N, C-alpha and C. Protein backbone atom coordinates (compact mmCIF):
# COMPACT_ATOMS: atom_id res chain seq x y z
N MET A 1 24.36 -7.13 29.47
CA MET A 1 25.10 -7.66 27.64
C MET A 1 26.37 -6.47 27.52
N SER A 2 27.25 -7.08 27.01
CA SER A 2 28.40 -6.22 26.66
C SER A 2 28.19 -5.09 25.29
N GLN A 3 28.89 -4.36 25.22
CA GLN A 3 28.88 -3.59 24.32
C GLN A 3 28.88 -4.42 22.87
N VAL A 4 29.95 -5.03 23.03
CA VAL A 4 30.50 -5.72 21.70
C VAL A 4 29.02 -6.80 21.08
N THR A 5 28.13 -7.04 22.02
CA THR A 5 27.16 -8.17 21.80
C THR A 5 26.26 -7.04 21.30
N SER A 6 26.12 -5.89 22.03
CA SER A 6 25.05 -5.37 21.98
C SER A 6 25.42 -4.31 20.20
N ALA A 7 26.66 -3.98 20.07
CA ALA A 7 26.70 -3.70 18.07
C ALA A 7 26.49 -4.57 17.49
N GLN A 8 26.95 -6.01 17.82
CA GLN A 8 26.56 -7.01 16.86
C GLN A 8 25.04 -7.17 16.61
N GLU A 9 24.53 -6.93 17.70
CA GLU A 9 23.19 -7.02 17.40
C GLU A 9 22.50 -5.87 16.70
N ARG A 10 23.09 -4.97 16.54
CA ARG A 10 22.65 -3.65 15.72
C ARG A 10 23.09 -3.89 14.15
N ILE A 11 23.85 -4.51 14.35
CA ILE A 11 24.25 -5.00 12.80
C ILE A 11 23.55 -5.81 11.91
N SER A 12 23.43 -7.17 12.88
CA SER A 12 22.53 -7.96 12.73
C SER A 12 21.09 -7.30 12.16
N ARG A 13 20.61 -6.54 13.23
CA ARG A 13 19.07 -5.91 12.34
C ARG A 13 19.48 -5.22 11.43
N ARG A 14 20.25 -4.58 11.11
CA ARG A 14 20.56 -3.43 9.99
C ARG A 14 20.55 -4.37 9.01
N ALA A 15 21.27 -5.68 9.04
CA ALA A 15 21.21 -6.80 7.94
C ALA A 15 20.09 -6.95 7.53
N VAL A 16 19.24 -7.36 8.54
CA VAL A 16 17.91 -7.96 8.00
C VAL A 16 16.92 -6.88 7.63
N ASP A 17 16.94 -6.04 8.10
CA ASP A 17 16.31 -4.67 7.57
C ASP A 17 16.62 -4.18 5.99
N LYS A 18 17.85 -4.62 5.75
CA LYS A 18 18.33 -4.12 4.37
C LYS A 18 17.67 -5.09 3.40
N PHE A 19 17.78 -6.36 3.79
CA PHE A 19 17.66 -7.83 3.22
C PHE A 19 15.93 -7.53 2.86
N ALA A 20 15.46 -7.16 3.68
CA ALA A 20 13.97 -6.81 3.65
C ALA A 20 13.51 -5.96 2.61
N GLN A 21 14.36 -4.85 2.89
CA GLN A 21 13.95 -3.68 1.66
C GLN A 21 14.09 -3.84 0.65
N ARG A 22 15.41 -4.79 0.48
CA ARG A 22 16.08 -5.08 -0.91
C ARG A 22 14.88 -6.09 -1.68
N ARG A 23 14.11 -6.83 -1.02
CA ARG A 23 13.46 -7.61 -1.24
C ARG A 23 11.96 -7.05 -1.78
N GLU A 24 11.86 -6.11 -0.98
CA GLU A 24 10.34 -5.33 -1.38
C GLU A 24 10.54 -4.50 -2.58
N GLN A 25 11.76 -3.87 -3.11
CA GLN A 25 12.62 -3.13 -4.07
C GLN A 25 12.55 -3.97 -5.15
N LEU A 26 12.91 -5.29 -5.16
CA LEU A 26 13.18 -6.45 -6.44
C LEU A 26 11.48 -6.64 -6.40
N ALA A 27 10.47 -7.08 -5.51
CA ALA A 27 9.02 -7.18 -5.93
C ALA A 27 8.65 -6.33 -6.41
N GLY A 28 8.73 -5.20 -6.50
CA GLY A 28 8.11 -4.10 -6.88
C GLY A 28 8.38 -4.12 -8.29
N SER A 29 9.50 -3.95 -8.81
CA SER A 29 9.88 -3.90 -10.44
C SER A 29 9.58 -5.30 -10.72
N ALA A 30 9.56 -6.34 -10.27
CA ALA A 30 9.19 -7.70 -10.55
C ALA A 30 7.64 -7.61 -11.00
N LEU A 31 6.91 -6.86 -10.20
CA LEU A 31 5.51 -7.31 -10.07
C LEU A 31 4.98 -6.61 -11.91
N GLN A 32 5.84 -5.72 -12.25
CA GLN A 32 5.38 -5.54 -13.51
C GLN A 32 5.34 -6.35 -14.39
N ALA A 33 6.41 -6.72 -14.40
CA ALA A 33 6.76 -8.24 -15.71
C ALA A 33 5.74 -8.82 -15.69
N LEU A 34 5.35 -9.61 -14.16
CA LEU A 34 4.90 -10.44 -13.63
C LEU A 34 3.07 -10.60 -14.27
N ALA A 35 3.01 -9.15 -13.99
CA ALA A 35 1.64 -8.49 -14.52
C ALA A 35 1.38 -8.75 -15.99
N GLU A 36 2.56 -8.25 -16.75
CA GLU A 36 2.13 -8.21 -18.22
C GLU A 36 2.28 -9.39 -18.74
N LEU A 37 2.99 -10.68 -18.26
CA LEU A 37 3.20 -11.72 -18.88
C LEU A 37 2.68 -12.71 -18.39
N GLY A 38 2.13 -12.53 -17.34
CA GLY A 38 1.64 -13.84 -16.39
C GLY A 38 2.33 -15.00 -15.87
N TYR A 39 1.92 -15.63 -15.16
CA TYR A 39 2.86 -16.34 -14.44
C TYR A 39 3.34 -17.80 -15.50
N ALA A 40 2.27 -18.63 -15.98
CA ALA A 40 3.23 -19.46 -16.86
C ALA A 40 4.18 -19.15 -17.97
N ARG A 41 4.19 -17.74 -18.48
CA ARG A 41 5.21 -17.29 -19.14
C ARG A 41 6.26 -16.68 -18.99
N THR A 42 6.77 -16.81 -17.49
CA THR A 42 7.64 -15.79 -16.94
C THR A 42 8.73 -16.88 -16.51
N SER A 43 9.99 -16.39 -16.29
CA SER A 43 10.86 -17.32 -15.41
C SER A 43 11.60 -15.73 -14.75
N LEU A 44 12.37 -16.43 -13.88
CA LEU A 44 13.20 -15.04 -13.19
C LEU A 44 13.72 -14.83 -14.10
N ARG A 45 14.80 -15.25 -14.80
CA ARG A 45 15.70 -14.74 -16.15
C ARG A 45 14.82 -13.82 -17.22
N GLU A 46 13.72 -14.17 -17.27
CA GLU A 46 12.73 -13.04 -18.19
C GLU A 46 12.30 -11.89 -17.19
N ILE A 47 12.11 -12.44 -16.20
CA ILE A 47 11.76 -11.19 -15.09
C ILE A 47 12.69 -9.95 -14.85
N ALA A 48 13.96 -10.58 -14.80
CA ALA A 48 15.25 -9.79 -14.70
C ALA A 48 15.43 -8.90 -16.24
N GLN A 49 15.51 -9.59 -17.14
CA GLN A 49 15.47 -8.98 -18.55
C GLN A 49 14.39 -7.64 -18.75
N LYS A 50 13.22 -7.83 -17.76
CA LYS A 50 12.08 -6.61 -17.86
C LYS A 50 12.30 -5.72 -16.68
N SER A 51 13.18 -6.30 -16.03
CA SER A 51 13.29 -5.24 -14.48
C SER A 51 14.68 -4.19 -14.40
N ASP A 52 15.16 -3.89 -13.38
CA ASP A 52 16.62 -3.05 -13.83
C ASP A 52 17.34 -4.03 -12.86
N PHE A 53 17.24 -5.49 -12.98
CA PHE A 53 18.07 -6.15 -11.93
C PHE A 53 18.79 -7.35 -12.40
N SER A 54 19.64 -7.61 -12.38
CA SER A 54 20.13 -9.38 -13.13
C SER A 54 19.12 -10.79 -12.31
N HIS A 55 19.31 -11.32 -13.04
CA HIS A 55 19.02 -12.63 -12.86
C HIS A 55 19.69 -13.24 -11.58
N GLY A 56 21.04 -13.05 -11.47
CA GLY A 56 21.53 -13.42 -10.19
C GLY A 56 21.04 -12.67 -9.03
N VAL A 57 20.56 -11.42 -8.84
CA VAL A 57 20.21 -10.79 -8.07
C VAL A 57 18.79 -11.14 -7.49
N LEU A 58 18.04 -11.23 -8.51
CA LEU A 58 16.65 -11.97 -8.25
C LEU A 58 16.70 -13.08 -7.71
N HIS A 59 18.02 -14.16 -8.09
CA HIS A 59 17.96 -15.56 -7.39
C HIS A 59 18.40 -15.35 -6.05
N TYR A 60 19.07 -14.39 -5.72
CA TYR A 60 19.68 -14.14 -4.70
C TYR A 60 18.66 -13.92 -3.30
N TYR A 61 18.02 -13.46 -3.54
CA TYR A 61 16.81 -12.70 -3.02
C TYR A 61 15.48 -13.64 -2.87
N PHE A 62 15.37 -14.30 -3.62
CA PHE A 62 14.12 -15.55 -3.37
C PHE A 62 14.53 -16.48 -4.47
N ALA A 63 14.13 -17.66 -4.07
CA ALA A 63 14.61 -18.77 -3.77
C ALA A 63 14.13 -19.51 -5.33
N ASP A 64 12.80 -19.04 -5.95
CA ASP A 64 12.09 -19.57 -7.07
C ASP A 64 11.22 -18.23 -7.42
N LYS A 65 10.72 -18.53 -8.63
CA LYS A 65 9.65 -17.53 -9.18
C LYS A 65 8.22 -17.81 -8.24
N VAL A 66 8.07 -18.88 -7.77
CA VAL A 66 7.35 -19.06 -6.68
C VAL A 66 7.10 -17.84 -5.73
N GLU A 67 8.22 -18.11 -5.19
CA GLU A 67 8.35 -17.19 -3.91
C GLU A 67 8.41 -15.89 -4.20
N LEU A 68 8.78 -15.58 -5.17
CA LEU A 68 8.96 -14.14 -5.86
C LEU A 68 7.36 -13.54 -5.83
N LEU A 69 6.45 -14.56 -6.85
CA LEU A 69 5.31 -14.08 -7.32
C LEU A 69 4.38 -14.11 -5.75
N THR A 70 4.52 -14.91 -5.23
CA THR A 70 3.65 -14.94 -3.49
C THR A 70 3.89 -13.74 -2.99
N TYR A 71 5.32 -13.51 -2.89
CA TYR A 71 5.59 -12.31 -2.00
C TYR A 71 4.98 -11.11 -2.59
N SER A 72 5.34 -10.88 -4.25
CA SER A 72 5.00 -9.79 -4.73
C SER A 72 3.30 -9.24 -4.72
N VAL A 73 2.74 -10.53 -4.84
CA VAL A 73 1.23 -10.30 -4.75
C VAL A 73 0.79 -10.08 -3.34
N ARG A 74 1.10 -10.37 -2.10
CA ARG A 74 0.90 -10.41 -1.08
C ARG A 74 1.21 -8.64 -0.71
N LYS A 75 2.54 -8.15 -1.23
CA LYS A 75 2.25 -6.60 -0.99
C LYS A 75 1.54 -6.01 -1.66
N PHE A 76 1.32 -6.34 -2.92
CA PHE A 76 0.24 -5.68 -3.90
C PHE A 76 -1.28 -6.03 -2.90
N GLU A 77 -1.90 -7.01 -2.15
CA GLU A 77 -2.79 -7.15 -1.63
C GLU A 77 -2.83 -6.28 -0.23
N ASP A 78 -1.83 -6.20 0.37
CA ASP A 78 -1.64 -5.19 1.42
C ASP A 78 -2.07 -3.76 1.32
N VAL A 79 -1.81 -3.49 0.10
CA VAL A 79 -2.36 -2.04 -0.15
C VAL A 79 -3.88 -1.97 -0.70
N CYS A 80 -4.41 -2.78 -1.33
CA CYS A 80 -5.34 -2.84 -1.94
C CYS A 80 -6.46 -3.03 -0.52
N VAL A 81 -6.02 -3.63 0.55
CA VAL A 81 -6.78 -4.21 1.30
C VAL A 81 -7.62 -2.29 2.15
N THR A 82 -6.36 -1.73 2.28
CA THR A 82 -6.09 -0.78 2.97
C THR A 82 -7.03 0.19 2.16
N ARG A 83 -7.33 0.64 1.08
CA ARG A 83 -8.45 1.10 0.27
C ARG A 83 -9.81 1.14 0.90
N TYR A 84 -10.12 -0.26 0.84
CA TYR A 84 -11.25 -0.59 1.50
C TYR A 84 -11.60 -0.22 2.97
N ASP A 85 -10.54 -0.24 3.85
CA ASP A 85 -11.08 0.19 5.13
C ASP A 85 -10.75 1.55 5.35
N ASP A 86 -10.29 2.01 4.38
CA ASP A 86 -10.56 3.56 4.38
C ASP A 86 -11.87 4.17 4.24
N VAL A 87 -12.54 3.10 3.19
CA VAL A 87 -13.91 3.36 2.97
C VAL A 87 -14.72 3.22 4.11
N VAL A 88 -14.54 2.29 5.00
CA VAL A 88 -15.44 1.73 6.09
C VAL A 88 -14.89 2.94 7.04
N ALA A 89 -13.76 3.62 7.43
CA ALA A 89 -13.89 4.47 8.28
C ALA A 89 -13.85 5.86 8.06
N GLU A 90 -14.15 6.23 6.86
CA GLU A 90 -14.70 7.45 6.73
C GLU A 90 -16.18 7.71 6.31
N ALA A 91 -17.06 6.41 5.97
CA ALA A 91 -18.32 6.28 5.73
C ALA A 91 -19.28 7.01 6.93
N THR A 92 -20.25 8.13 6.90
CA THR A 92 -21.24 8.16 7.73
C THR A 92 -22.53 8.01 7.89
N SER A 93 -22.82 6.86 6.78
CA SER A 93 -23.75 6.62 6.52
C SER A 93 -24.05 5.27 5.74
N ALA A 94 -24.96 4.73 5.29
CA ALA A 94 -25.30 3.38 4.71
C ALA A 94 -24.95 3.54 3.35
N GLU A 95 -25.67 4.99 2.94
CA GLU A 95 -25.60 5.15 1.30
C GLU A 95 -24.15 5.77 1.20
N GLU A 96 -23.46 6.18 1.97
CA GLU A 96 -22.16 6.86 1.55
C GLU A 96 -21.04 5.35 1.63
N LEU A 97 -21.58 4.67 2.64
CA LEU A 97 -20.58 3.54 2.47
C LEU A 97 -20.99 2.53 1.37
N LYS A 98 -22.32 2.40 0.91
CA LYS A 98 -22.67 1.94 -0.70
C LYS A 98 -21.66 2.08 -1.91
N GLN A 99 -21.92 3.73 -1.39
CA GLN A 99 -21.44 4.70 -3.04
C GLN A 99 -19.88 4.27 -3.05
N GLY A 100 -19.40 4.79 -1.75
CA GLY A 100 -17.91 4.49 -1.60
C GLY A 100 -17.22 3.25 -1.74
N PHE A 101 -17.88 2.31 -1.32
CA PHE A 101 -17.24 0.79 -1.58
C PHE A 101 -17.48 0.62 -3.40
N GLY A 102 -18.40 0.84 -3.95
CA GLY A 102 -18.69 0.89 -5.23
C GLY A 102 -17.62 1.43 -6.05
N ALA A 103 -17.36 2.90 -5.66
CA ALA A 103 -16.24 3.76 -6.18
C ALA A 103 -14.75 3.24 -5.89
N ALA A 104 -14.86 2.49 -4.57
CA ALA A 104 -13.24 2.01 -4.48
C ALA A 104 -13.00 1.20 -5.60
N MET A 105 -13.74 -0.01 -5.88
CA MET A 105 -13.97 -1.44 -6.38
C MET A 105 -13.31 -0.94 -7.90
N ALA A 106 -14.34 0.15 -8.20
CA ALA A 106 -13.98 0.61 -9.63
C ALA A 106 -12.64 1.32 -10.25
N ALA A 107 -12.35 2.16 -8.73
CA ALA A 107 -11.34 2.98 -8.92
C ALA A 107 -9.82 2.08 -9.21
N THR A 108 -9.93 0.90 -8.26
CA THR A 108 -8.75 -0.39 -8.58
C THR A 108 -8.90 -1.14 -9.84
N LEU A 109 -9.99 -0.88 -10.04
CA LEU A 109 -10.12 -1.81 -11.51
C LEU A 109 -9.53 -0.83 -12.78
N ARG A 110 -9.71 0.26 -12.49
CA ARG A 110 -9.12 1.26 -13.62
C ARG A 110 -7.81 1.19 -13.39
N ALA A 111 -7.27 1.20 -12.53
CA ALA A 111 -5.74 1.77 -12.02
C ALA A 111 -4.82 0.59 -11.88
N ASP A 112 -5.55 -0.68 -11.35
CA ASP A 112 -4.33 -1.83 -11.19
C ASP A 112 -5.11 -2.87 -12.10
N ALA A 113 -5.66 -2.94 -13.20
CA ALA A 113 -6.31 -4.63 -13.97
C ALA A 113 -5.27 -5.38 -13.96
N ALA A 114 -4.11 -5.21 -14.24
CA ALA A 114 -2.71 -5.73 -14.69
C ALA A 114 -2.41 -6.66 -13.37
N MET A 115 -2.36 -6.29 -12.25
CA MET A 115 -1.96 -6.30 -11.13
C MET A 115 -3.38 -7.63 -10.65
N HIS A 116 -4.37 -7.14 -10.79
CA HIS A 116 -5.37 -7.88 -10.14
C HIS A 116 -5.42 -9.34 -11.37
N ARG A 117 -5.15 -9.05 -12.46
CA ARG A 117 -5.22 -10.10 -13.59
C ARG A 117 -4.21 -11.38 -12.63
N LEU A 118 -3.14 -10.86 -12.33
CA LEU A 118 -1.80 -11.45 -11.85
C LEU A 118 -2.29 -12.49 -10.62
N TRP A 119 -3.24 -11.50 -9.81
CA TRP A 119 -3.82 -12.33 -8.55
C TRP A 119 -4.70 -13.51 -8.92
N TYR A 120 -5.51 -13.33 -9.87
CA TYR A 120 -6.29 -14.49 -10.35
C TYR A 120 -5.43 -15.52 -11.04
N ASP A 121 -4.40 -15.17 -11.89
CA ASP A 121 -3.14 -16.38 -12.50
C ASP A 121 -3.20 -17.09 -11.26
N LEU A 122 -2.60 -16.43 -10.41
CA LEU A 122 -2.29 -17.03 -9.19
C LEU A 122 -2.71 -18.12 -8.27
N ARG A 123 -4.06 -17.18 -7.93
CA ARG A 123 -5.13 -18.44 -7.67
C ARG A 123 -5.18 -19.54 -8.66
N ASN A 124 -5.95 -19.31 -9.93
CA ASN A 124 -5.90 -20.35 -10.77
C ASN A 124 -4.63 -21.49 -10.75
N GLN A 125 -3.45 -20.97 -10.51
CA GLN A 125 -2.36 -22.06 -10.54
C GLN A 125 -2.25 -22.76 -9.28
N SER A 126 -2.67 -22.29 -8.31
CA SER A 126 -3.12 -22.76 -7.31
C SER A 126 -3.54 -24.27 -6.88
N LEU A 127 -4.76 -24.42 -8.16
CA LEU A 127 -5.40 -25.70 -8.39
C LEU A 127 -4.87 -26.75 -8.76
N PHE A 128 -3.72 -26.22 -9.21
CA PHE A 128 -2.32 -27.32 -9.94
C PHE A 128 -1.50 -27.34 -9.49
N GLU A 129 -0.79 -26.11 -8.69
CA GLU A 129 0.24 -26.32 -7.94
C GLU A 129 0.40 -26.21 -6.40
N GLU A 130 0.50 -27.15 -6.07
CA GLU A 130 0.29 -27.38 -4.30
C GLU A 130 1.27 -25.93 -3.83
N SER A 131 2.59 -25.73 -3.98
CA SER A 131 3.12 -24.65 -3.53
C SER A 131 2.35 -23.50 -3.39
N PHE A 132 1.40 -23.22 -4.27
CA PHE A 132 0.93 -22.06 -4.15
C PHE A 132 -0.49 -21.86 -2.97
N ARG A 133 -1.05 -22.99 -2.74
CA ARG A 133 -2.32 -23.26 -2.07
C ARG A 133 -2.26 -22.60 -0.66
N THR A 134 -1.09 -22.98 -0.18
CA THR A 134 -1.06 -21.68 1.45
C THR A 134 -1.33 -20.31 1.33
N ASP A 135 -0.15 -19.78 0.73
CA ASP A 135 -0.47 -18.29 0.48
C ASP A 135 -1.76 -18.16 -0.54
N VAL A 136 -2.10 -18.90 -1.31
CA VAL A 136 -3.59 -18.32 -1.71
C VAL A 136 -4.76 -18.31 -0.83
N LEU A 137 -4.68 -19.51 -0.43
CA LEU A 137 -5.52 -19.45 0.98
C LEU A 137 -5.92 -18.35 2.12
N ASP A 138 -4.34 -18.18 2.33
CA ASP A 138 -4.25 -16.77 3.26
C ASP A 138 -4.74 -15.59 2.63
N ILE A 139 -4.28 -15.23 1.40
CA ILE A 139 -4.77 -13.95 0.68
C ILE A 139 -6.00 -13.80 0.38
N ASP A 140 -6.53 -15.07 0.06
CA ASP A 140 -8.14 -15.06 0.11
C ASP A 140 -8.90 -14.81 1.23
N GLY A 141 -8.36 -15.41 2.76
CA GLY A 141 -8.83 -15.16 3.63
C GLY A 141 -8.78 -13.83 4.23
N GLN A 142 -7.93 -12.81 3.30
CA GLN A 142 -7.48 -11.53 3.87
C GLN A 142 -8.28 -10.54 3.21
N ARG A 143 -8.87 -11.19 1.87
CA ARG A 143 -9.85 -10.40 0.76
C ARG A 143 -11.34 -10.70 1.69
N GLN A 144 -11.29 -11.72 1.71
CA GLN A 144 -12.72 -11.91 2.56
C GLN A 144 -13.04 -11.36 4.06
N ALA A 145 -12.10 -11.16 4.61
CA ALA A 145 -12.70 -10.61 5.79
C ALA A 145 -12.37 -8.95 5.45
N MET A 146 -12.01 -8.54 4.50
CA MET A 146 -11.85 -7.16 4.23
C MET A 146 -13.56 -6.67 3.69
N VAL A 147 -13.99 -7.77 2.94
CA VAL A 147 -15.44 -7.46 2.29
C VAL A 147 -16.29 -7.79 3.53
N TRP A 148 -16.35 -8.53 4.55
CA TRP A 148 -17.03 -8.55 5.51
C TRP A 148 -16.86 -7.20 6.66
N ARG A 149 -15.93 -6.78 6.55
CA ARG A 149 -15.67 -5.44 7.35
C ARG A 149 -16.70 -4.53 6.51
N VAL A 150 -16.81 -4.55 5.76
CA VAL A 150 -17.87 -3.36 4.92
C VAL A 150 -18.94 -3.99 5.43
N ILE A 151 -19.54 -5.26 5.14
CA ILE A 151 -20.94 -5.87 5.54
C ILE A 151 -21.17 -5.47 6.79
N GLN A 152 -20.49 -5.78 7.64
CA GLN A 152 -20.75 -5.65 9.09
C GLN A 152 -20.79 -4.14 9.64
N ARG A 153 -20.16 -3.08 8.38
CA ARG A 153 -20.26 -1.76 8.79
C ARG A 153 -22.00 -1.06 8.52
N TYR A 154 -22.06 -1.87 7.13
CA TYR A 154 -23.27 -1.71 6.41
C TYR A 154 -24.65 -2.11 7.21
N ALA A 155 -24.51 -3.12 8.00
CA ALA A 155 -25.26 -3.52 8.98
C ALA A 155 -25.62 -2.63 10.05
N GLU A 156 -24.30 -2.61 10.49
CA GLU A 156 -24.40 -1.51 11.84
C GLU A 156 -25.34 -0.01 11.31
N PHE A 157 -25.30 0.63 10.31
CA PHE A 157 -25.82 1.48 9.88
C PHE A 157 -27.49 1.31 10.01
N THR A 158 -28.08 0.10 9.15
CA THR A 158 -28.94 -0.12 9.07
C THR A 158 -29.83 -0.47 10.13
N GLY A 159 -28.96 -1.28 10.65
CA GLY A 159 -29.57 -1.91 12.37
C GLY A 159 -30.16 -3.54 11.83
N GLN A 160 -29.85 -3.90 10.43
CA GLN A 160 -30.31 -5.12 10.62
C GLN A 160 -29.16 -6.01 10.30
N PRO A 161 -29.13 -7.14 10.94
CA PRO A 161 -28.07 -8.30 10.57
C PRO A 161 -27.50 -8.61 9.34
N PRO A 162 -26.56 -9.28 8.87
CA PRO A 162 -26.07 -9.79 7.77
C PRO A 162 -27.13 -10.89 7.15
N ARG A 163 -27.05 -10.76 5.87
CA ARG A 163 -28.19 -12.09 5.46
C ARG A 163 -27.30 -12.87 5.18
N VAL A 164 -25.94 -12.99 4.80
CA VAL A 164 -25.36 -14.02 4.33
C VAL A 164 -24.09 -14.28 5.10
N THR A 165 -23.35 -15.41 4.87
CA THR A 165 -22.11 -15.84 5.58
C THR A 165 -20.93 -14.81 4.81
N PRO A 166 -20.05 -14.74 5.75
CA PRO A 166 -18.60 -14.15 5.07
C PRO A 166 -18.30 -14.71 3.49
N GLU A 167 -18.08 -16.17 3.71
CA GLU A 167 -17.95 -16.87 2.41
C GLU A 167 -19.00 -16.61 1.12
N VAL A 168 -20.27 -16.29 1.95
CA VAL A 168 -21.07 -15.83 0.36
C VAL A 168 -20.72 -14.73 -0.40
N ALA A 169 -20.51 -13.91 1.21
CA ALA A 169 -20.32 -12.56 0.67
C ALA A 169 -19.14 -12.00 -0.21
N TYR A 170 -18.31 -12.80 -0.05
CA TYR A 170 -16.64 -12.65 -0.78
C TYR A 170 -16.99 -13.47 -2.30
N ALA A 171 -17.39 -14.34 -2.14
CA ALA A 171 -17.93 -15.03 -3.47
C ALA A 171 -19.10 -14.22 -4.14
N ALA A 172 -19.71 -13.66 -3.74
CA ALA A 172 -20.37 -12.62 -4.82
C ALA A 172 -19.88 -11.11 -5.19
N PHE A 173 -19.02 -10.66 -4.37
CA PHE A 173 -18.38 -9.42 -4.89
C PHE A 173 -17.22 -9.86 -5.58
N ASP A 174 -16.49 -10.81 -5.27
CA ASP A 174 -15.41 -11.31 -5.97
C ASP A 174 -15.82 -11.80 -7.42
N GLY A 175 -16.95 -12.76 -7.76
CA GLY A 175 -17.49 -12.61 -8.85
C GLY A 175 -17.60 -11.48 -9.69
N LEU A 176 -18.25 -10.48 -8.85
CA LEU A 176 -18.75 -9.26 -9.84
C LEU A 176 -17.38 -8.48 -10.29
N PHE A 177 -16.41 -8.58 -9.57
CA PHE A 177 -15.16 -7.80 -9.95
C PHE A 177 -14.45 -8.80 -10.89
N GLN A 178 -14.31 -10.17 -10.75
CA GLN A 178 -13.62 -10.91 -11.80
C GLN A 178 -14.35 -10.67 -13.08
N GLN A 179 -15.82 -10.33 -13.25
CA GLN A 179 -16.01 -10.57 -14.47
C GLN A 179 -16.15 -9.20 -15.20
N ALA A 180 -15.86 -8.22 -14.35
CA ALA A 180 -15.55 -6.38 -14.75
C ALA A 180 -14.45 -6.48 -15.80
N LEU A 181 -13.41 -7.40 -14.74
CA LEU A 181 -12.08 -7.46 -15.01
C LEU A 181 -11.95 -8.10 -16.37
N LEU A 182 -12.22 -8.93 -16.49
CA LEU A 182 -12.70 -9.40 -18.17
C LEU A 182 -13.15 -8.66 -19.07
N GLN A 183 -14.44 -8.12 -18.90
CA GLN A 183 -14.67 -6.72 -19.77
C GLN A 183 -13.70 -5.84 -19.75
N ARG A 184 -13.20 -5.42 -18.78
CA ARG A 184 -11.93 -4.33 -19.20
C ARG A 184 -10.82 -4.59 -19.85
N LEU A 185 -10.47 -5.96 -19.78
CA LEU A 185 -8.95 -6.61 -20.13
C LEU A 185 -9.67 -6.89 -21.77
N ALA A 186 -10.85 -7.00 -22.26
CA ALA A 186 -11.40 -7.13 -23.36
C ALA A 186 -11.50 -6.06 -24.18
N GLY A 187 -11.42 -4.51 -23.21
CA GLY A 187 -11.54 -3.49 -24.04
C GLY A 187 -13.12 -3.06 -23.79
N ARG A 188 -14.06 -3.58 -23.52
CA ARG A 188 -15.35 -2.92 -23.20
C ARG A 188 -15.71 -1.86 -22.42
N ASP A 189 -16.37 -0.51 -22.97
CA ASP A 189 -16.25 0.46 -22.43
C ASP A 189 -17.27 0.12 -21.30
N GLY A 190 -16.83 1.23 -20.20
CA GLY A 190 -17.76 0.93 -19.05
C GLY A 190 -17.68 -0.08 -18.13
N ALA A 191 -16.85 -0.78 -18.31
CA ALA A 191 -16.83 -2.00 -17.27
C ALA A 191 -16.50 -1.48 -15.91
N ALA A 192 -15.83 -0.29 -15.44
CA ALA A 192 -15.66 0.10 -13.93
C ALA A 192 -16.82 0.53 -13.67
N ASP A 193 -17.51 1.48 -14.36
CA ASP A 193 -18.84 2.15 -14.16
C ASP A 193 -19.69 1.17 -13.60
N ARG A 194 -19.93 0.13 -14.58
CA ARG A 194 -20.95 -0.62 -13.95
C ARG A 194 -20.51 -1.76 -12.93
N LEU A 195 -19.29 -1.82 -12.88
CA LEU A 195 -18.76 -2.79 -11.59
C LEU A 195 -19.48 -1.52 -10.12
N ALA A 196 -19.14 -0.49 -10.44
CA ALA A 196 -19.34 0.65 -9.21
C ALA A 196 -20.88 0.71 -9.04
N ALA A 197 -21.97 0.32 -10.12
CA ALA A 197 -23.25 0.39 -9.71
C ALA A 197 -23.63 -0.77 -9.29
N ASP A 198 -23.00 -1.88 -10.05
CA ASP A 198 -23.47 -3.44 -9.23
C ASP A 198 -22.96 -3.43 -7.88
N VAL A 199 -22.06 -3.07 -7.78
CA VAL A 199 -21.59 -3.39 -6.44
C VAL A 199 -22.51 -2.41 -5.03
N ALA A 200 -22.78 -1.50 -5.60
CA ALA A 200 -23.52 -0.75 -4.56
C ALA A 200 -25.14 -1.21 -4.77
N ASP A 201 -25.39 -1.70 -5.67
CA ASP A 201 -26.86 -2.61 -5.48
C ASP A 201 -26.70 -3.95 -4.99
N LEU A 202 -25.48 -4.29 -4.77
CA LEU A 202 -25.63 -5.44 -4.37
C LEU A 202 -25.44 -5.50 -2.77
N LEU A 203 -24.71 -4.61 -2.06
CA LEU A 203 -24.19 -4.45 -0.96
C LEU A 203 -25.49 -4.59 0.18
N PRO A 204 -26.51 -3.80 -0.26
CA PRO A 204 -27.98 -3.83 0.40
C PRO A 204 -28.36 -5.00 0.34
N ARG A 205 -28.56 -5.90 -0.39
CA ARG A 205 -29.22 -7.26 -0.57
C ARG A 205 -28.27 -8.39 0.18
N LEU A 206 -27.17 -8.03 0.57
CA LEU A 206 -26.50 -9.10 1.39
C LEU A 206 -26.30 -8.71 2.95
N ALA A 207 -26.74 -7.21 2.88
CA ALA A 207 -25.98 -6.63 4.42
C ALA A 207 -27.75 -6.15 5.11
């Protein structure tokens, strides 16, 4: 390989890395606007007005609102999954895992309610817009796998096999979380604390 070719490849890699970094930066800024307004009430132009970037810049890095939204939600979900994986890795007993999982779900409800609302908005939109479905199913699969890792770890602690399938386990915890999210958005006190208690109570029933 010549020195010229090698230099061109390095330049090309840097350009790709810079493009990816810029997309991530834009997505982080856009998430706030999307979480505040929801999918149906936003356009790229409106997102730009609520961020530090122009409409033209957003459109250069993302083909449309669909691409921006799915990219942004994926980035957020990547962070969420690691929170529960930390609980699984650090737990030393079934009781500690049970309490830690409930506490982690309550913490993300308190800190990221708007972001979770955006995820459920995206999932609902996928019922009507085919362009969302592949991404939504993929993200749903990641969330289900995360819950199942908790179930499996709890089963290892107790020495008993899980009592449900991964699909049922995910549906149960997701249902609890979505109900708690609605209560928190409605301003009802104690939604996060009730979620933590409900999750801790549900885990032994499933695992």
